[in-house]
Amino acid sequence: MMIDTAFTGRCGFASRKGFTLMELLAVIAVLAVLAAILVPAVTVSRSFQLTQAVQQMADVFSLARQSAMAQNCIVEVRFYLTKNVEGATACRSYQLFQVSGSGMVSPLTRISYLGDGVIAGTGGSLSSLLDTSKRERHAGAFPVPGAGTDYQYFSFAFLPDGRTNLPAMEEWFVTLHLKSDGDGRTTPPPNFGTVQVDPVNGAVRTFRP
């Protein structure tokens, strides 16, 4: 039986060619080069996001202190604890409030969020400002997007003379890290940043390993 070569050529099953070993090796080599380029770029991007978040938090502390001194009032910094879609509780948003002489509390700024994938550590010794053994946790009152009043928060305040209302004999700080390094950690991951506030004079410092 003879096969019509013209027909088989048109159908494609007689003239089909596979990849050679050299072609496969070339594709693998290209993929390896792309991976070597892209993986460090992603790492640098995440590290940059964390650095930005640390500076952002330090700027918020400084703004609160300056506002308290300029307006001769108490300015409260609140860290919101809200649940994510998995039900875990994390801290990634905050807001400043002005406290009048009569005790009336009113928002000084809108709610702000840390960068994508960045959270404030709440476990163990990561953040003394978010430690239930050191600071009281309050129930929500002002609505928070996505949580309503079903949330809790930690807070501290700057006084009109630039001091804080924090006990002077302890160190006060908050540690930020990437959520991908684990929510609910009790120790800092390799990549983290810390914002520290001096309780006596309100000075703010940052640390990045």
N, C-alpha and C. Protein backbone atom coordinates (compact mmCIF):
# COMPACT_ATOMS: atom_id res chain seq x y z
N MET A 1 0.85 -1.21 0.00
CA MET A 1 0.00 0.00 0.00
C MET A 1 0.87 1.23 0.00
N MET A 2 0.60 2.15 -0.91
CA MET A 2 1.40 3.37 -1.02
C MET A 2 0.67 4.53 -0.35
N ILE A 3 1.46 5.37 0.32
CA ILE A 3 0.89 6.53 1.01
C ILE A 3 1.09 7.77 0.15
N ASP A 4 0.05 8.52 0.03
CA ASP A 4 0.10 9.77 -0.73
C ASP A 4 0.90 10.80 0.08
N THR A 5 2.15 11.06 -0.32
CA THR A 5 3.01 11.99 0.42
C THR A 5 2.48 13.41 0.38
N ALA A 6 1.80 13.76 -0.68
CA ALA A 6 1.22 15.11 -0.76
C ALA A 6 0.14 15.27 0.30
N PHE A 7 -0.67 14.16 0.48
CA PHE A 7 -1.75 14.22 1.48
C PHE A 7 -1.19 14.29 2.89
N THR A 8 -0.19 13.47 3.18
CA THR A 8 0.37 13.45 4.52
C THR A 8 1.06 14.75 4.85
N GLY A 9 1.68 15.39 3.87
CA GLY A 9 2.32 16.67 4.11
C GLY A 9 1.32 17.74 4.47
N ARG A 10 0.11 17.64 3.75
CA ARG A 10 -0.91 18.64 4.04
C ARG A 10 -1.50 18.44 5.43
N CYS A 11 -1.67 17.18 5.85
CA CYS A 11 -2.25 16.90 7.16
C CYS A 11 -1.27 17.17 8.29
N GLY A 12 0.02 17.09 8.01
CA GLY A 12 1.02 17.48 8.98
C GLY A 12 1.58 16.36 9.82
N PHE A 13 0.98 15.14 9.83
CA PHE A 13 1.49 14.14 10.75
C PHE A 13 2.70 13.41 10.23
N ALA A 14 3.03 13.57 8.96
CA ALA A 14 4.21 12.89 8.43
C ALA A 14 5.43 13.78 8.45
N SER A 15 5.22 15.12 8.46
CA SER A 15 6.36 16.02 8.40
C SER A 15 6.65 16.71 9.73
N ARG A 16 5.92 16.31 10.85
CA ARG A 16 6.09 16.96 12.14
C ARG A 16 7.46 16.61 12.73
N LYS A 17 8.11 17.61 13.35
CA LYS A 17 9.43 17.42 13.97
C LYS A 17 9.36 17.73 15.46
N GLY A 18 10.08 17.01 16.28
CA GLY A 18 10.16 17.28 17.71
C GLY A 18 11.34 18.19 18.02
N PHE A 19 11.45 18.58 19.32
CA PHE A 19 12.58 19.38 19.75
C PHE A 19 13.82 18.50 19.85
N THR A 20 14.91 19.05 19.43
CA THR A 20 16.17 18.34 19.60
C THR A 20 16.70 18.58 21.01
N LEU A 21 17.63 17.77 21.43
CA LEU A 21 18.22 17.93 22.76
C LEU A 21 18.86 19.31 22.91
N MET A 22 19.51 19.79 21.87
CA MET A 22 20.17 21.09 21.94
C MET A 22 19.15 22.21 22.11
N GLU A 23 17.99 22.09 21.44
CA GLU A 23 16.96 23.10 21.56
C GLU A 23 16.39 23.12 22.98
N LEU A 24 16.17 21.94 23.54
CA LEU A 24 15.67 21.87 24.91
C LEU A 24 16.66 22.48 25.90
N LEU A 25 17.93 22.18 25.71
CA LEU A 25 18.96 22.74 26.60
C LEU A 25 19.01 24.26 26.48
N ALA A 26 18.81 24.76 25.25
CA ALA A 26 18.83 26.21 25.05
C ALA A 26 17.67 26.87 25.77
N VAL A 27 16.46 26.26 25.71
CA VAL A 27 15.29 26.81 26.40
C VAL A 27 15.51 26.81 27.91
N ILE A 28 16.05 25.71 28.44
CA ILE A 28 16.31 25.61 29.87
C ILE A 28 17.31 26.67 30.31
N ALA A 29 18.32 26.90 29.49
CA ALA A 29 19.33 27.91 29.82
C ALA A 29 18.72 29.30 29.86
N VAL A 30 17.83 29.60 28.91
CA VAL A 30 17.17 30.91 28.89
C VAL A 30 16.30 31.09 30.13
N LEU A 31 15.55 30.04 30.51
CA LEU A 31 14.70 30.12 31.70
C LEU A 31 15.54 30.32 32.96
N ALA A 32 16.68 29.66 33.03
CA ALA A 32 17.55 29.81 34.19
C ALA A 32 18.07 31.23 34.31
N VAL A 33 18.42 31.84 33.18
CA VAL A 33 18.91 33.22 33.18
C VAL A 33 17.81 34.17 33.63
N LEU A 34 16.58 33.95 33.12
CA LEU A 34 15.46 34.81 33.51
C LEU A 34 15.17 34.69 35.01
N ALA A 35 15.23 33.47 35.54
CA ALA A 35 15.00 33.26 36.96
C ALA A 35 16.06 33.96 37.80
N ALA A 36 17.31 33.89 37.33
CA ALA A 36 18.41 34.54 38.07
C ALA A 36 18.25 36.05 38.09
N ILE A 37 17.59 36.60 37.06
CA ILE A 37 17.38 38.04 36.99
C ILE A 37 16.16 38.47 37.80
N LEU A 38 15.06 37.70 37.68
CA LEU A 38 13.79 38.10 38.27
C LEU A 38 13.72 37.88 39.76
N VAL A 39 14.27 36.79 40.28
CA VAL A 39 14.17 36.49 41.71
C VAL A 39 14.84 37.57 42.56
N PRO A 40 16.09 37.98 42.25
CA PRO A 40 16.67 39.09 43.04
C PRO A 40 15.87 40.38 42.91
N ALA A 41 15.27 40.62 41.73
CA ALA A 41 14.49 41.84 41.54
C ALA A 41 13.27 41.84 42.45
N VAL A 42 12.60 40.69 42.59
CA VAL A 42 11.44 40.58 43.48
C VAL A 42 11.87 40.80 44.93
N THR A 43 13.01 40.22 45.30
CA THR A 43 13.52 40.36 46.66
C THR A 43 13.83 41.82 46.98
N VAL A 44 14.47 42.51 46.04
CA VAL A 44 14.80 43.92 46.23
C VAL A 44 13.52 44.75 46.35
N SER A 45 12.50 44.41 45.54
CA SER A 45 11.24 45.14 45.58
C SER A 45 10.57 45.00 46.94
N ARG A 46 10.56 43.78 47.49
CA ARG A 46 9.94 43.57 48.80
C ARG A 46 10.73 44.29 49.89
N SER A 47 12.04 44.25 49.79
CA SER A 47 12.87 44.93 50.78
C SER A 47 12.63 46.44 50.72
N PHE A 48 12.45 46.97 49.51
CA PHE A 48 12.18 48.39 49.36
C PHE A 48 10.83 48.76 49.96
N GLN A 49 9.81 47.89 49.76
CA GLN A 49 8.50 48.13 50.35
C GLN A 49 8.60 48.19 51.87
N LEU A 50 9.39 47.29 52.46
CA LEU A 50 9.54 47.27 53.91
C LEU A 50 10.25 48.53 54.40
N THR A 51 11.30 48.93 53.69
CA THR A 51 12.02 50.15 54.06
C THR A 51 11.09 51.36 54.00
N GLN A 52 10.27 51.42 52.96
CA GLN A 52 9.31 52.52 52.85
C GLN A 52 8.32 52.53 54.01
N ALA A 53 7.84 51.33 54.39
CA ALA A 53 6.87 51.24 55.48
C ALA A 53 7.48 51.68 56.80
N VAL A 54 8.74 51.32 57.04
CA VAL A 54 9.42 51.73 58.26
C VAL A 54 9.54 53.24 58.32
N GLN A 55 9.95 53.86 57.21
CA GLN A 55 10.07 55.31 57.18
C GLN A 55 8.70 55.98 57.32
N GLN A 56 7.69 55.37 56.72
CA GLN A 56 6.32 55.88 56.81
C GLN A 56 5.85 55.91 58.27
N MET A 57 6.14 54.83 59.01
CA MET A 57 5.73 54.77 60.40
C MET A 57 6.49 55.79 61.25
N ALA A 58 7.79 55.94 60.98
CA ALA A 58 8.58 56.94 61.70
C ALA A 58 8.04 58.34 61.43
N ASP A 59 7.65 58.61 60.19
CA ASP A 59 7.11 59.93 59.84
C ASP A 59 5.78 60.18 60.57
N VAL A 60 4.98 59.13 60.73
CA VAL A 60 3.71 59.28 61.44
C VAL A 60 3.94 59.63 62.90
N PHE A 61 4.89 58.95 63.54
CA PHE A 61 5.23 59.28 64.93
C PHE A 61 5.69 60.73 65.05
N SER A 62 6.55 61.15 64.13
CA SER A 62 7.06 62.52 64.16
C SER A 62 5.94 63.53 63.93
N LEU A 63 5.03 63.21 63.01
CA LEU A 63 3.90 64.10 62.75
C LEU A 63 3.02 64.23 63.99
N ALA A 64 2.79 63.12 64.67
CA ALA A 64 1.97 63.15 65.88
C ALA A 64 2.61 64.03 66.94
N ARG A 65 3.90 63.90 67.12
CA ARG A 65 4.62 64.70 68.12
C ARG A 65 4.58 66.19 67.77
N GLN A 66 4.87 66.50 66.50
CA GLN A 66 4.87 67.90 66.07
C GLN A 66 3.48 68.52 66.19
N SER A 67 2.43 67.73 65.87
CA SER A 67 1.06 68.24 65.95
C SER A 67 0.68 68.52 67.40
N ALA A 68 1.09 67.63 68.31
CA ALA A 68 0.78 67.82 69.72
C ALA A 68 1.42 69.10 70.25
N MET A 69 2.67 69.36 69.86
CA MET A 69 3.37 70.54 70.33
C MET A 69 2.82 71.81 69.67
N ALA A 70 2.54 71.74 68.36
CA ALA A 70 2.07 72.93 67.64
C ALA A 70 0.66 73.33 68.05
N GLN A 71 -0.20 72.36 68.32
CA GLN A 71 -1.59 72.65 68.65
C GLN A 71 -1.87 72.61 70.15
N ASN A 72 -0.81 72.35 70.94
CA ASN A 72 -0.93 72.31 72.39
C ASN A 72 -2.06 71.39 72.84
N CYS A 73 -1.98 70.16 72.34
CA CYS A 73 -3.01 69.18 72.67
C CYS A 73 -2.38 67.79 72.72
N ILE A 74 -3.17 66.82 73.10
CA ILE A 74 -2.72 65.43 73.09
C ILE A 74 -3.06 64.81 71.74
N VAL A 75 -2.11 64.12 71.15
CA VAL A 75 -2.34 63.42 69.89
C VAL A 75 -2.09 61.93 70.11
N GLU A 76 -3.10 61.17 69.82
CA GLU A 76 -3.07 59.72 70.05
C GLU A 76 -2.77 58.98 68.76
N VAL A 77 -1.89 57.98 68.84
CA VAL A 77 -1.57 57.11 67.71
C VAL A 77 -2.26 55.78 67.96
N ARG A 78 -3.09 55.36 67.01
CA ARG A 78 -3.80 54.08 67.15
C ARG A 78 -3.34 53.09 66.10
N PHE A 79 -3.09 51.86 66.55
CA PHE A 79 -2.75 50.75 65.66
C PHE A 79 -3.95 49.81 65.62
N TYR A 80 -4.55 49.62 64.46
CA TYR A 80 -5.75 48.80 64.35
C TYR A 80 -5.41 47.33 64.14
N LEU A 81 -6.12 46.48 64.87
CA LEU A 81 -6.01 45.03 64.72
C LEU A 81 -7.27 44.55 64.02
N THR A 82 -7.14 44.09 62.79
CA THR A 82 -8.28 43.63 62.02
C THR A 82 -8.01 42.23 61.49
N LYS A 83 -9.08 41.50 61.19
CA LYS A 83 -8.94 40.13 60.69
C LYS A 83 -8.83 40.13 59.18
N ASN A 84 -7.94 39.26 58.66
CA ASN A 84 -7.84 39.11 57.22
C ASN A 84 -8.80 38.02 56.76
N VAL A 85 -8.75 37.68 55.47
CA VAL A 85 -9.70 36.71 54.92
C VAL A 85 -9.52 35.33 55.53
N GLU A 86 -8.33 35.01 56.02
CA GLU A 86 -8.12 33.70 56.64
C GLU A 86 -8.56 33.69 58.09
N GLY A 87 -8.96 34.86 58.63
CA GLY A 87 -9.39 34.93 60.01
C GLY A 87 -8.30 35.29 60.99
N ALA A 88 -7.05 35.37 60.50
CA ALA A 88 -5.94 35.72 61.39
C ALA A 88 -5.96 37.22 61.67
N THR A 89 -5.51 37.60 62.84
CA THR A 89 -5.49 39.01 63.23
C THR A 89 -4.11 39.60 62.99
N ALA A 90 -4.08 40.72 62.31
CA ALA A 90 -2.81 41.38 62.02
C ALA A 90 -2.99 42.88 62.16
N CYS A 91 -1.88 43.58 62.30
CA CYS A 91 -1.90 45.04 62.40
C CYS A 91 -1.20 45.61 61.18
N ARG A 92 -1.95 46.30 60.34
CA ARG A 92 -1.35 46.93 59.17
C ARG A 92 -1.95 48.30 58.87
N SER A 93 -2.74 48.84 59.80
CA SER A 93 -3.30 50.17 59.59
C SER A 93 -3.23 50.98 60.88
N TYR A 94 -3.29 52.29 60.74
CA TYR A 94 -3.12 53.18 61.89
C TYR A 94 -3.78 54.52 61.59
N GLN A 95 -3.94 55.34 62.63
CA GLN A 95 -4.58 56.64 62.47
C GLN A 95 -4.21 57.53 63.65
N LEU A 96 -4.19 58.82 63.42
CA LEU A 96 -3.93 59.80 64.48
C LEU A 96 -5.24 60.45 64.92
N PHE A 97 -5.35 60.66 66.24
CA PHE A 97 -6.51 61.31 66.82
C PHE A 97 -6.07 62.47 67.71
N GLN A 98 -6.86 63.52 67.70
CA GLN A 98 -6.62 64.66 68.57
C GLN A 98 -7.53 64.55 69.79
N VAL A 99 -6.96 64.76 70.96
CA VAL A 99 -7.73 64.68 72.20
C VAL A 99 -7.78 66.09 72.80
N SER A 100 -8.97 66.62 72.94
CA SER A 100 -9.13 67.98 73.46
C SER A 100 -8.98 67.99 74.98
N GLY A 101 -8.93 69.18 75.55
CA GLY A 101 -8.79 69.31 76.99
C GLY A 101 -9.94 68.69 77.76
N SER A 102 -11.11 68.62 77.12
CA SER A 102 -12.28 68.03 77.76
C SER A 102 -12.35 66.52 77.57
N GLY A 103 -11.36 66.00 76.84
CA GLY A 103 -11.33 64.55 76.61
C GLY A 103 -12.02 64.11 75.34
N MET A 104 -12.52 65.04 74.54
CA MET A 104 -13.18 64.68 73.29
C MET A 104 -12.14 64.20 72.27
N VAL A 105 -12.42 63.07 71.63
CA VAL A 105 -11.49 62.48 70.67
C VAL A 105 -12.04 62.67 69.26
N SER A 106 -11.20 63.19 68.37
CA SER A 106 -11.62 63.38 66.98
C SER A 106 -10.47 63.01 66.06
N PRO A 107 -10.78 62.43 64.89
CA PRO A 107 -9.72 62.03 63.96
C PRO A 107 -8.90 63.22 63.48
N LEU A 108 -7.59 63.07 63.51
CA LEU A 108 -6.69 64.10 63.01
C LEU A 108 -6.26 63.78 61.58
N THR A 109 -6.18 62.51 61.26
CA THR A 109 -5.82 62.06 59.91
C THR A 109 -6.77 60.93 59.51
N ARG A 110 -6.72 60.58 58.24
CA ARG A 110 -7.46 59.42 57.77
C ARG A 110 -6.69 58.14 58.15
N ILE A 111 -7.37 57.02 58.03
CA ILE A 111 -6.70 55.74 58.27
C ILE A 111 -5.66 55.52 57.17
N SER A 112 -4.47 55.15 57.57
CA SER A 112 -3.40 54.86 56.62
C SER A 112 -2.99 53.39 56.76
N TYR A 113 -2.44 52.87 55.68
CA TYR A 113 -2.08 51.46 55.65
C TYR A 113 -0.59 51.30 55.33
N LEU A 114 -0.01 50.27 55.89
CA LEU A 114 1.35 49.92 55.53
C LEU A 114 1.36 49.40 54.10
N GLY A 115 2.54 49.31 53.49
CA GLY A 115 2.64 48.85 52.12
C GLY A 115 2.10 47.44 51.94
N ASP A 116 1.82 47.06 50.69
CA ASP A 116 1.31 45.72 50.40
C ASP A 116 2.23 44.65 50.97
N GLY A 117 1.64 43.75 51.73
CA GLY A 117 2.41 42.63 52.26
C GLY A 117 3.22 42.95 53.49
N VAL A 118 3.10 44.17 54.05
CA VAL A 118 3.85 44.55 55.24
C VAL A 118 2.89 44.63 56.43
N ILE A 119 3.29 44.03 57.55
CA ILE A 119 2.47 44.07 58.76
C ILE A 119 3.33 44.44 59.96
N ALA A 120 2.67 44.84 61.02
CA ALA A 120 3.36 45.12 62.28
C ALA A 120 3.26 43.88 63.16
N GLY A 121 4.40 43.40 63.62
CA GLY A 121 4.41 42.20 64.45
C GLY A 121 3.76 42.44 65.80
N THR A 122 2.90 41.52 66.21
CA THR A 122 2.18 41.67 67.47
C THR A 122 2.54 40.58 68.48
N GLY A 123 3.40 39.65 68.10
CA GLY A 123 3.69 38.53 68.98
C GLY A 123 4.99 38.67 69.74
N GLY A 124 5.02 38.09 70.94
CA GLY A 124 6.25 38.05 71.72
C GLY A 124 6.87 39.41 71.95
N SER A 125 8.16 39.50 71.69
CA SER A 125 8.89 40.75 71.93
C SER A 125 9.07 41.57 70.66
N LEU A 126 8.28 41.31 69.62
CA LEU A 126 8.43 42.06 68.37
C LEU A 126 8.07 43.52 68.52
N SER A 127 7.00 43.82 69.24
CA SER A 127 6.53 45.20 69.35
C SER A 127 5.98 45.45 70.75
N SER A 128 6.73 46.19 71.55
CA SER A 128 6.25 46.49 72.90
C SER A 128 5.02 47.39 72.86
N LEU A 129 4.87 48.18 71.79
CA LEU A 129 3.70 49.04 71.65
C LEU A 129 2.44 48.24 71.35
N LEU A 130 2.60 46.98 70.93
CA LEU A 130 1.47 46.12 70.59
C LEU A 130 1.47 44.86 71.45
N ASP A 131 1.90 44.99 72.67
CA ASP A 131 2.04 43.86 73.58
C ASP A 131 0.98 43.97 74.66
N THR A 132 0.11 42.97 74.76
CA THR A 132 -0.99 43.03 75.73
C THR A 132 -0.50 43.02 77.18
N SER A 133 0.72 42.54 77.40
CA SER A 133 1.23 42.55 78.77
C SER A 133 1.73 43.94 79.17
N LYS A 134 1.89 44.82 78.18
CA LYS A 134 2.40 46.16 78.45
C LYS A 134 1.38 47.26 78.16
N ARG A 135 0.53 47.02 77.16
CA ARG A 135 -0.43 48.03 76.74
C ARG A 135 -1.83 47.46 76.75
N GLU A 136 -2.80 48.28 77.08
CA GLU A 136 -4.21 47.86 77.09
C GLU A 136 -4.75 47.85 75.66
N ARG A 137 -5.51 46.82 75.36
CA ARG A 137 -6.15 46.73 74.04
C ARG A 137 -7.58 47.25 74.17
N HIS A 138 -7.97 48.14 73.23
CA HIS A 138 -9.28 48.78 73.32
C HIS A 138 -10.23 48.23 72.25
N ALA A 139 -11.51 48.34 72.52
CA ALA A 139 -12.53 47.94 71.55
C ALA A 139 -12.75 49.04 70.53
N GLY A 140 -13.16 48.65 69.33
CA GLY A 140 -13.37 49.62 68.26
C GLY A 140 -14.54 50.55 68.54
N ALA A 141 -14.44 51.77 68.05
CA ALA A 141 -15.52 52.75 68.19
C ALA A 141 -15.75 53.45 66.86
N PHE A 142 -14.70 54.10 66.32
CA PHE A 142 -14.79 54.72 65.01
C PHE A 142 -14.74 53.62 63.94
N PRO A 143 -15.62 53.68 62.94
CA PRO A 143 -15.65 52.64 61.90
C PRO A 143 -14.33 52.57 61.12
N VAL A 144 -13.92 51.35 60.84
CA VAL A 144 -12.73 51.10 60.03
C VAL A 144 -13.16 50.36 58.76
N PRO A 145 -12.74 50.82 57.58
CA PRO A 145 -13.14 50.15 56.34
C PRO A 145 -12.86 48.65 56.38
N GLY A 146 -13.88 47.87 56.03
CA GLY A 146 -13.72 46.43 55.99
C GLY A 146 -13.94 45.74 57.32
N ALA A 147 -14.03 46.51 58.41
CA ALA A 147 -14.19 45.92 59.74
C ALA A 147 -15.32 46.55 60.53
N GLY A 148 -15.77 47.73 60.11
CA GLY A 148 -16.80 48.43 60.88
C GLY A 148 -16.26 48.79 62.25
N THR A 149 -16.97 48.41 63.28
CA THR A 149 -16.48 48.61 64.65
C THR A 149 -16.08 47.28 65.29
N ASP A 150 -15.99 46.24 64.45
CA ASP A 150 -15.59 44.91 64.95
C ASP A 150 -14.08 44.77 64.83
N TYR A 151 -13.37 45.47 65.67
CA TYR A 151 -11.91 45.43 65.68
C TYR A 151 -11.42 45.87 67.05
N GLN A 152 -10.12 45.76 67.26
CA GLN A 152 -9.49 46.25 68.48
C GLN A 152 -8.27 47.08 68.08
N TYR A 153 -7.76 47.84 69.03
CA TYR A 153 -6.59 48.65 68.70
C TYR A 153 -5.73 48.88 69.94
N PHE A 154 -4.46 49.14 69.67
CA PHE A 154 -3.52 49.60 70.69
C PHE A 154 -3.29 51.09 70.45
N SER A 155 -2.90 51.81 71.49
CA SER A 155 -2.65 53.23 71.30
C SER A 155 -1.64 53.76 72.31
N PHE A 156 -1.02 54.86 71.95
CA PHE A 156 -0.24 55.67 72.89
C PHE A 156 -0.37 57.11 72.43
N ALA A 157 0.09 58.05 73.23
CA ALA A 157 -0.14 59.45 72.90
C ALA A 157 1.10 60.31 73.11
N PHE A 158 1.19 61.36 72.30
CA PHE A 158 2.19 62.41 72.49
C PHE A 158 1.53 63.57 73.22
N LEU A 159 2.23 64.14 74.18
CA LEU A 159 1.71 65.24 74.99
C LEU A 159 2.16 66.58 74.42
N PRO A 160 1.54 67.68 74.84
CA PRO A 160 1.87 69.01 74.29
C PRO A 160 3.34 69.40 74.43
N ASP A 161 4.06 68.84 75.41
CA ASP A 161 5.48 69.19 75.56
C ASP A 161 6.40 68.24 74.79
N GLY A 162 5.84 67.36 73.98
CA GLY A 162 6.65 66.46 73.16
C GLY A 162 6.89 65.10 73.78
N ARG A 163 6.59 64.95 75.07
CA ARG A 163 6.75 63.65 75.72
C ARG A 163 5.64 62.70 75.27
N THR A 164 5.73 61.46 75.74
CA THR A 164 4.66 60.51 75.50
C THR A 164 4.01 60.15 76.83
N ASN A 165 2.93 59.42 76.76
CA ASN A 165 2.28 58.93 77.98
C ASN A 165 2.74 57.52 78.33
N LEU A 166 3.86 57.08 77.73
CA LEU A 166 4.40 55.75 77.96
C LEU A 166 5.29 55.73 79.20
N PRO A 167 5.31 54.63 79.95
CA PRO A 167 6.21 54.53 81.10
C PRO A 167 7.66 54.77 80.70
N ALA A 168 8.35 55.59 81.48
CA ALA A 168 9.69 56.03 81.10
C ALA A 168 10.76 54.96 81.26
N MET A 169 10.52 53.95 82.06
CA MET A 169 11.55 52.97 82.36
C MET A 169 11.58 51.80 81.39
N GLU A 170 10.80 51.86 80.31
CA GLU A 170 10.76 50.76 79.36
C GLU A 170 11.09 51.26 77.96
N GLU A 171 11.47 50.32 77.07
CA GLU A 171 11.72 50.65 75.68
C GLU A 171 10.44 50.41 74.88
N TRP A 172 10.14 51.35 73.99
CA TRP A 172 8.89 51.28 73.24
C TRP A 172 9.18 51.30 71.74
N PHE A 173 8.65 50.32 71.04
CA PHE A 173 8.96 50.18 69.62
C PHE A 173 7.90 49.31 68.95
N VAL A 174 7.89 49.37 67.62
CA VAL A 174 7.04 48.50 66.80
C VAL A 174 7.91 47.94 65.69
N THR A 175 7.78 46.64 65.43
CA THR A 175 8.57 45.97 64.41
C THR A 175 7.70 45.64 63.21
N LEU A 176 8.17 46.01 62.04
CA LEU A 176 7.47 45.73 60.79
C LEU A 176 8.21 44.64 60.04
N HIS A 177 7.45 43.77 59.39
CA HIS A 177 8.06 42.73 58.55
C HIS A 177 7.08 42.32 57.46
N LEU A 178 7.54 41.51 56.54
CA LEU A 178 6.70 41.07 55.44
C LEU A 178 5.75 39.98 55.92
N LYS A 179 4.49 40.06 55.49
CA LYS A 179 3.51 39.06 55.89
C LYS A 179 3.93 37.67 55.41
N SER A 180 4.64 37.61 54.28
CA SER A 180 5.09 36.33 53.75
C SER A 180 6.08 35.64 54.68
N ASP A 181 6.67 36.39 55.62
CA ASP A 181 7.59 35.80 56.59
C ASP A 181 6.86 35.21 57.79
N GLY A 182 5.53 35.28 57.77
CA GLY A 182 4.75 34.64 58.82
C GLY A 182 3.98 35.60 59.69
N ASP A 183 2.67 35.42 59.73
CA ASP A 183 1.81 36.22 60.59
C ASP A 183 1.80 35.59 61.98
N GLY A 184 1.90 36.42 63.01
CA GLY A 184 1.89 35.89 64.37
C GLY A 184 3.24 35.41 64.86
N ARG A 185 4.31 35.88 64.26
CA ARG A 185 5.65 35.51 64.69
C ARG A 185 5.93 36.03 66.10
N THR A 186 6.85 35.35 66.79
CA THR A 186 7.28 35.81 68.11
C THR A 186 8.71 36.31 68.09
N THR A 187 9.41 36.09 66.98
CA THR A 187 10.78 36.58 66.81
C THR A 187 10.90 37.24 65.44
N PRO A 188 11.80 38.20 65.29
CA PRO A 188 11.94 38.89 64.00
C PRO A 188 12.46 37.95 62.92
N PRO A 189 11.95 38.06 61.69
CA PRO A 189 12.52 37.33 60.56
C PRO A 189 13.83 37.98 60.14
N PRO A 190 14.55 37.40 59.19
CA PRO A 190 15.81 38.02 58.75
C PRO A 190 15.63 39.43 58.20
N ASN A 191 14.47 39.67 57.56
CA ASN A 191 14.22 40.97 56.96
C ASN A 191 13.13 41.69 57.76
N PHE A 192 13.50 42.72 58.50
CA PHE A 192 12.54 43.45 59.32
C PHE A 192 13.02 44.88 59.52
N GLY A 193 12.17 45.70 60.12
CA GLY A 193 12.53 47.07 60.46
C GLY A 193 11.83 47.45 61.75
N THR A 194 12.48 48.27 62.56
CA THR A 194 11.92 48.67 63.85
C THR A 194 11.88 50.19 63.96
N VAL A 195 10.77 50.69 64.49
CA VAL A 195 10.63 52.11 64.78
C VAL A 195 10.50 52.26 66.29
N GLN A 196 11.40 53.03 66.88
CA GLN A 196 11.45 53.20 68.33
C GLN A 196 11.13 54.64 68.70
N VAL A 197 10.41 54.79 69.81
CA VAL A 197 10.08 56.13 70.30
C VAL A 197 10.58 56.25 71.74
N ASP A 198 11.26 57.36 72.01
CA ASP A 198 11.75 57.62 73.36
C ASP A 198 10.58 58.14 74.19
N PRO A 199 10.23 57.46 75.28
CA PRO A 199 9.05 57.88 76.04
C PRO A 199 9.22 59.23 76.73
N VAL A 200 10.46 59.64 77.00
CA VAL A 200 10.70 60.87 77.76
C VAL A 200 10.66 62.11 76.87
N ASN A 201 11.32 62.07 75.72
CA ASN A 201 11.36 63.26 74.87
C ASN A 201 10.63 63.07 73.53
N GLY A 202 10.11 61.88 73.27
CA GLY A 202 9.34 61.65 72.05
C GLY A 202 10.17 61.47 70.81
N ALA A 203 11.50 61.43 70.92
CA ALA A 203 12.36 61.27 69.75
C ALA A 203 12.11 59.92 69.09
N VAL A 204 12.19 59.92 67.76
CA VAL A 204 11.89 58.71 66.97
C VAL A 204 13.15 58.24 66.26
N ARG A 205 13.41 56.94 66.31
CA ARG A 205 14.55 56.36 65.63
C ARG A 205 14.10 55.12 64.86
N THR A 206 14.82 54.79 63.79
CA THR A 206 14.52 53.59 63.02
C THR A 206 15.73 52.69 62.97
N PHE A 207 15.47 51.40 62.79
CA PHE A 207 16.55 50.42 62.67
C PHE A 207 16.19 49.41 61.60
N ARG A 208 17.15 49.15 60.66
CA ARG A 208 17.02 48.13 59.64
C ARG A 208 18.29 47.30 59.63
N PRO A 209 18.19 45.97 59.80
CA PRO A 209 19.41 45.15 59.82
C PRO A 209 20.08 45.11 58.45
